[in-house]
Amino acid sequence: MTQSPFRGNRGLASLVEEFAAQQCCDPHDHVYGLLGLLGEETTLAIDYNGDMELLFWQVLTLTHQQASAVATSDRRDSYEWNLETLLDILNLRLEDIFAHQALQRRIAQDRFAVEMEEQ
């Protein structure tokens, strides 16, 4: 069996960037359709009923975790990306992210957790 050239050597950010121009009936597929190419377990739960704003935050969180786990800077580049691409494929505007009530609470909780760890 031939292994995918994408599997295990790329971050989600790199895959989303590469496949952003592909047509999807549901914007969720721009992310969920690529999870199998990661070649690793992911904490990203597939939820087609979930808000796009929350999916945006989950993707950013997962990408940050992946980048943090990579030791060398040359490989780290495949985990960095342009946020405009992610907003575009999820049919979002930055204003949507900041206006989302549940996401505001989640971001506040994440900041609080970081502050608690630093103390």
C-alpha atoms as a PDB file:
ATOM      1  CA  MET A   1       0.000   0.000   0.000  1.00  0.00           C
ATOM      2  CA  THR A   2       1.304   3.457  -0.920  1.00  0.00           C
ATOM      3  CA  GLN A   3       1.432   6.027   1.855  1.00  0.00           C
ATOM      4  CA  SER A   4       0.093   9.516   1.223  1.00  0.00           C
ATOM      5  CA  PRO A   5       2.853  12.097   0.613  1.00  0.00           C
ATOM      6  CA  PHE A   6       1.041  14.373   3.076  1.00  0.00           C
ATOM      7  CA  ARG A   7       0.651  11.951   5.959  1.00  0.00           C
ATOM      8  CA  GLY A   8       2.639  12.640   9.093  1.00  0.00           C
ATOM      9  CA  ASN A   9       4.972  15.317   7.778  1.00  0.00           C
ATOM     10  CA  ARG A  10       2.743  18.372   7.594  1.00  0.00           C
ATOM     11  CA  GLY A  11       0.762  20.449  10.029  1.00  0.00           C
ATOM     12  CA  LEU A  12      -2.922  21.222   9.667  1.00  0.00           C
ATOM     13  CA  ALA A  13      -2.074  24.836   8.789  1.00  0.00           C
ATOM     14  CA  SER A  14       0.020  23.747   5.817  1.00  0.00           C
ATOM     15  CA  LEU A  15      -2.664  21.380   4.555  1.00  0.00           C
ATOM     16  CA  VAL A  16      -5.441  23.966   4.903  1.00  0.00           C
ATOM     17  CA  GLU A  17      -3.333  26.486   2.974  1.00  0.00           C
ATOM     18  CA  GLU A  18      -2.570  23.998   0.211  1.00  0.00           C
ATOM     19  CA  PHE A  19      -6.144  22.809  -0.238  1.00  0.00           C
ATOM     20  CA  ALA A  20      -7.917  26.139   0.410  1.00  0.00           C
ATOM     21  CA  ALA A  21      -8.864  26.562  -3.250  1.00  0.00           C
ATOM     22  CA  GLN A  22     -10.696  23.237  -3.354  1.00  0.00           C
ATOM     23  CA  GLN A  23     -14.476  23.404  -3.587  1.00  0.00           C
ATOM     24  CA  CYS A  24     -16.430  22.117  -0.588  1.00  0.00           C
ATOM     25  CA  CYS A  25     -20.202  22.075  -0.188  1.00  0.00           C
ATOM     26  CA  ASP A  26     -19.804  22.547   3.544  1.00  0.00           C
ATOM     27  CA  PRO A  27     -17.056  24.868   4.853  1.00  0.00           C
ATOM     28  CA  HIS A  28     -16.402  22.404   7.704  1.00  0.00           C
ATOM     29  CA  ASP A  29     -14.903  20.060   5.098  1.00  0.00           C
ATOM     30  CA  HIS A  30     -12.000  22.459   4.506  1.00  0.00           C
ATOM     31  CA  VAL A  31     -10.796  21.342   7.939  1.00  0.00           C
ATOM     32  CA  TYR A  32     -12.442  17.986   8.684  1.00  0.00           C
ATOM     33  CA  GLY A  33     -11.607  16.587   5.249  1.00  0.00           C
ATOM     34  CA  LEU A  34      -7.894  17.042   5.958  1.00  0.00           C
ATOM     35  CA  LEU A  35      -7.674  15.462   9.413  1.00  0.00           C
ATOM     36  CA  GLY A  36      -6.912  12.015   7.978  1.00  0.00           C
ATOM     37  CA  LEU A  37      -3.858  13.424   6.210  1.00  0.00           C
ATOM     38  CA  LEU A  38      -2.252  14.510   9.471  1.00  0.00           C
ATOM     39  CA  GLY A  39      -1.133  10.996  10.312  1.00  0.00           C
ATOM     40  CA  GLU A  40      -1.546  11.605  14.038  1.00  0.00           C
ATOM     41  CA  GLU A  41      -4.258  11.576  16.636  1.00  0.00           C
ATOM     42  CA  THR A  42      -6.023  14.902  16.896  1.00  0.00           C
ATOM     43  CA  THR A  43      -8.013  16.471  19.680  1.00  0.00           C
ATOM     44  CA  LEU A  44     -10.226  18.203  17.137  1.00  0.00           C
ATOM     45  CA  ALA A  45     -13.701  16.697  17.438  1.00  0.00           C
ATOM     46  CA  ILE A  46     -15.694  16.544  14.215  1.00  0.00           C
ATOM     47  CA  ASP A  47     -18.964  18.420  14.684  1.00  0.00           C
ATOM     48  CA  TYR A  48     -20.824  19.513  11.568  1.00  0.00           C
ATOM     49  CA  ASN A  49     -23.448  21.232  13.738  1.00  0.00           C
ATOM     50  CA  GLY A  50     -20.835  23.334  15.538  1.00  0.00           C
ATOM     51  CA  ASP A  51     -20.338  27.032  15.019  1.00  0.00           C
ATOM     52  CA  MET A  52     -17.756  28.061  12.465  1.00  0.00           C
ATOM     53  CA  GLU A  53     -16.329  30.556  14.950  1.00  0.00           C
ATOM     54  CA  LEU A  54     -15.628  27.772  17.440  1.00  0.00           C
ATOM     55  CA  LEU A  55     -14.091  25.646  14.688  1.00  0.00           C
ATOM     56  CA  PHE A  56     -11.829  28.594  13.860  1.00  0.00           C
ATOM     57  CA  TRP A  57     -10.649  28.743  17.483  1.00  0.00           C
ATOM     58  CA  GLN A  58     -10.169  24.958  17.667  1.00  0.00           C
ATOM     59  CA  VAL A  59      -8.040  25.004  14.508  1.00  0.00           C
ATOM     60  CA  LEU A  60      -5.901  27.839  15.874  1.00  0.00           C
ATOM     61  CA  THR A  61      -5.442  25.965  19.146  1.00  0.00           C
ATOM     62  CA  LEU A  62      -4.513  22.704  17.402  1.00  0.00           C
ATOM     63  CA  THR A  63      -2.105  24.499  15.089  1.00  0.00           C
ATOM     64  CA  HIS A  64      -0.409  26.185  18.032  1.00  0.00           C
ATOM     65  CA  GLN A  65      -0.058  22.815  19.790  1.00  0.00           C
ATOM     66  CA  GLN A  66       1.443  21.256  16.654  1.00  0.00           C
ATOM     67  CA  ALA A  67       3.903  24.119  16.173  1.00  0.00           C
ATOM     68  CA  SER A  68       4.936  23.990  19.833  1.00  0.00           C
ATOM     69  CA  ALA A  69       5.700  20.277  19.533  1.00  0.00           C
ATOM     70  CA  VAL A  70       8.051  20.748  16.564  1.00  0.00           C
ATOM     71  CA  ALA A  71      11.653  21.179  17.607  1.00  0.00           C
ATOM     72  CA  THR A  72      13.253  22.573  14.460  1.00  0.00           C
ATOM     73  CA  SER A  73      12.366  25.915  12.927  1.00  0.00           C
ATOM     74  CA  ASP A  74      12.452  24.576   9.349  1.00  0.00           C
ATOM     75  CA  ARG A  75       9.637  22.124  10.132  1.00  0.00           C
ATOM     76  CA  ARG A  76       7.808  24.717  12.228  1.00  0.00           C
ATOM     77  CA  ASP A  77       7.144  26.733   9.048  1.00  0.00           C
ATOM     78  CA  SER A  78       4.648  24.098   7.896  1.00  0.00           C
ATOM     79  CA  TYR A  79       2.541  24.882  10.973  1.00  0.00           C
ATOM     80  CA  GLU A  80       2.301  28.636  10.407  1.00  0.00           C
ATOM     81  CA  TRP A  81      -0.157  30.329   8.103  1.00  0.00           C
ATOM     82  CA  ASN A  82      -2.132  33.314   7.047  1.00  0.00           C
ATOM     83  CA  LEU A  83      -5.237  33.727   9.215  1.00  0.00           C
ATOM     84  CA  GLU A  84      -7.077  35.330   6.304  1.00  0.00           C
ATOM     85  CA  THR A  85      -7.029  31.970   4.522  1.00  0.00           C
ATOM     86  CA  LEU A  86      -8.715  30.254   7.455  1.00  0.00           C
ATOM     87  CA  LEU A  87     -11.302  33.018   7.794  1.00  0.00           C
ATOM     88  CA  ASP A  88     -12.008  32.838   4.070  1.00  0.00           C
ATOM     89  CA  ILE A  89     -12.516  29.070   3.816  1.00  0.00           C
ATOM     90  CA  LEU A  90     -14.791  29.086   6.880  1.00  0.00           C
ATOM     91  CA  ASN A  91     -16.783  32.013   5.448  1.00  0.00           C
ATOM     92  CA  LEU A  92     -16.001  34.190   8.453  1.00  0.00           C
ATOM     93  CA  ARG A  93     -14.917  37.744   9.101  1.00  0.00           C
ATOM     94  CA  LEU A  94     -12.681  38.729  12.000  1.00  0.00           C
ATOM     95  CA  GLU A  95     -15.625  40.675  13.423  1.00  0.00           C
ATOM     96  CA  ASP A  96     -17.580  37.384  13.638  1.00  0.00           C
ATOM     97  CA  ILE A  97     -14.898  35.920  15.873  1.00  0.00           C
ATOM     98  CA  PHE A  98     -14.838  38.847  18.286  1.00  0.00           C
ATOM     99  CA  ALA A  99     -18.648  39.066  18.416  1.00  0.00           C
ATOM    100  CA  HIS A 100     -19.209  35.376  19.241  1.00  0.00           C
ATOM    101  CA  GLN A 101     -20.292  35.147  22.893  1.00  0.00           C
ATOM    102  CA  ALA A 102     -19.255  31.533  23.581  1.00  0.00           C
ATOM    103  CA  LEU A 103     -15.897  32.120  21.940  1.00  0.00           C
ATOM    104  CA  GLN A 104     -15.304  35.249  24.029  1.00  0.00           C
ATOM    105  CA  ARG A 105     -15.847  33.178  27.180  1.00  0.00           C
ATOM    106  CA  ARG A 106     -13.552  30.446  25.900  1.00  0.00           C
ATOM    107  CA  ILE A 107     -10.768  32.888  25.061  1.00  0.00           C
ATOM    108  CA  ALA A 108     -11.151  34.518  28.474  1.00  0.00           C
ATOM    109  CA  GLN A 109     -10.912  31.104  30.136  1.00  0.00           C
ATOM    110  CA  ASP A 110      -7.795  30.256  28.146  1.00  0.00           C
ATOM    111  CA  ARG A 111      -6.151  33.549  29.137  1.00  0.00           C
ATOM    112  CA  PHE A 112      -7.126  32.974  32.734  1.00  0.00           C
ATOM    113  CA  ALA A 113      -5.646  29.463  32.635  1.00  0.00           C
ATOM    114  CA  VAL A 114      -2.357  30.818  31.295  1.00  0.00           C
ATOM    115  CA  GLU A 115      -2.242  33.520  33.973  1.00  0.00           C
ATOM    116  CA  MET A 116      -2.948  30.939  36.683  1.00  0.00           C
ATOM    117  CA  GLU A 117      -0.096  28.743  35.433  1.00  0.00           C
ATOM    118  CA  GLU A 118       2.327  31.670  35.509  1.00  0.00           C
ATOM    119  CA  GLN A 119       1.577  32.461  39.174  1.00  0.00           C
END
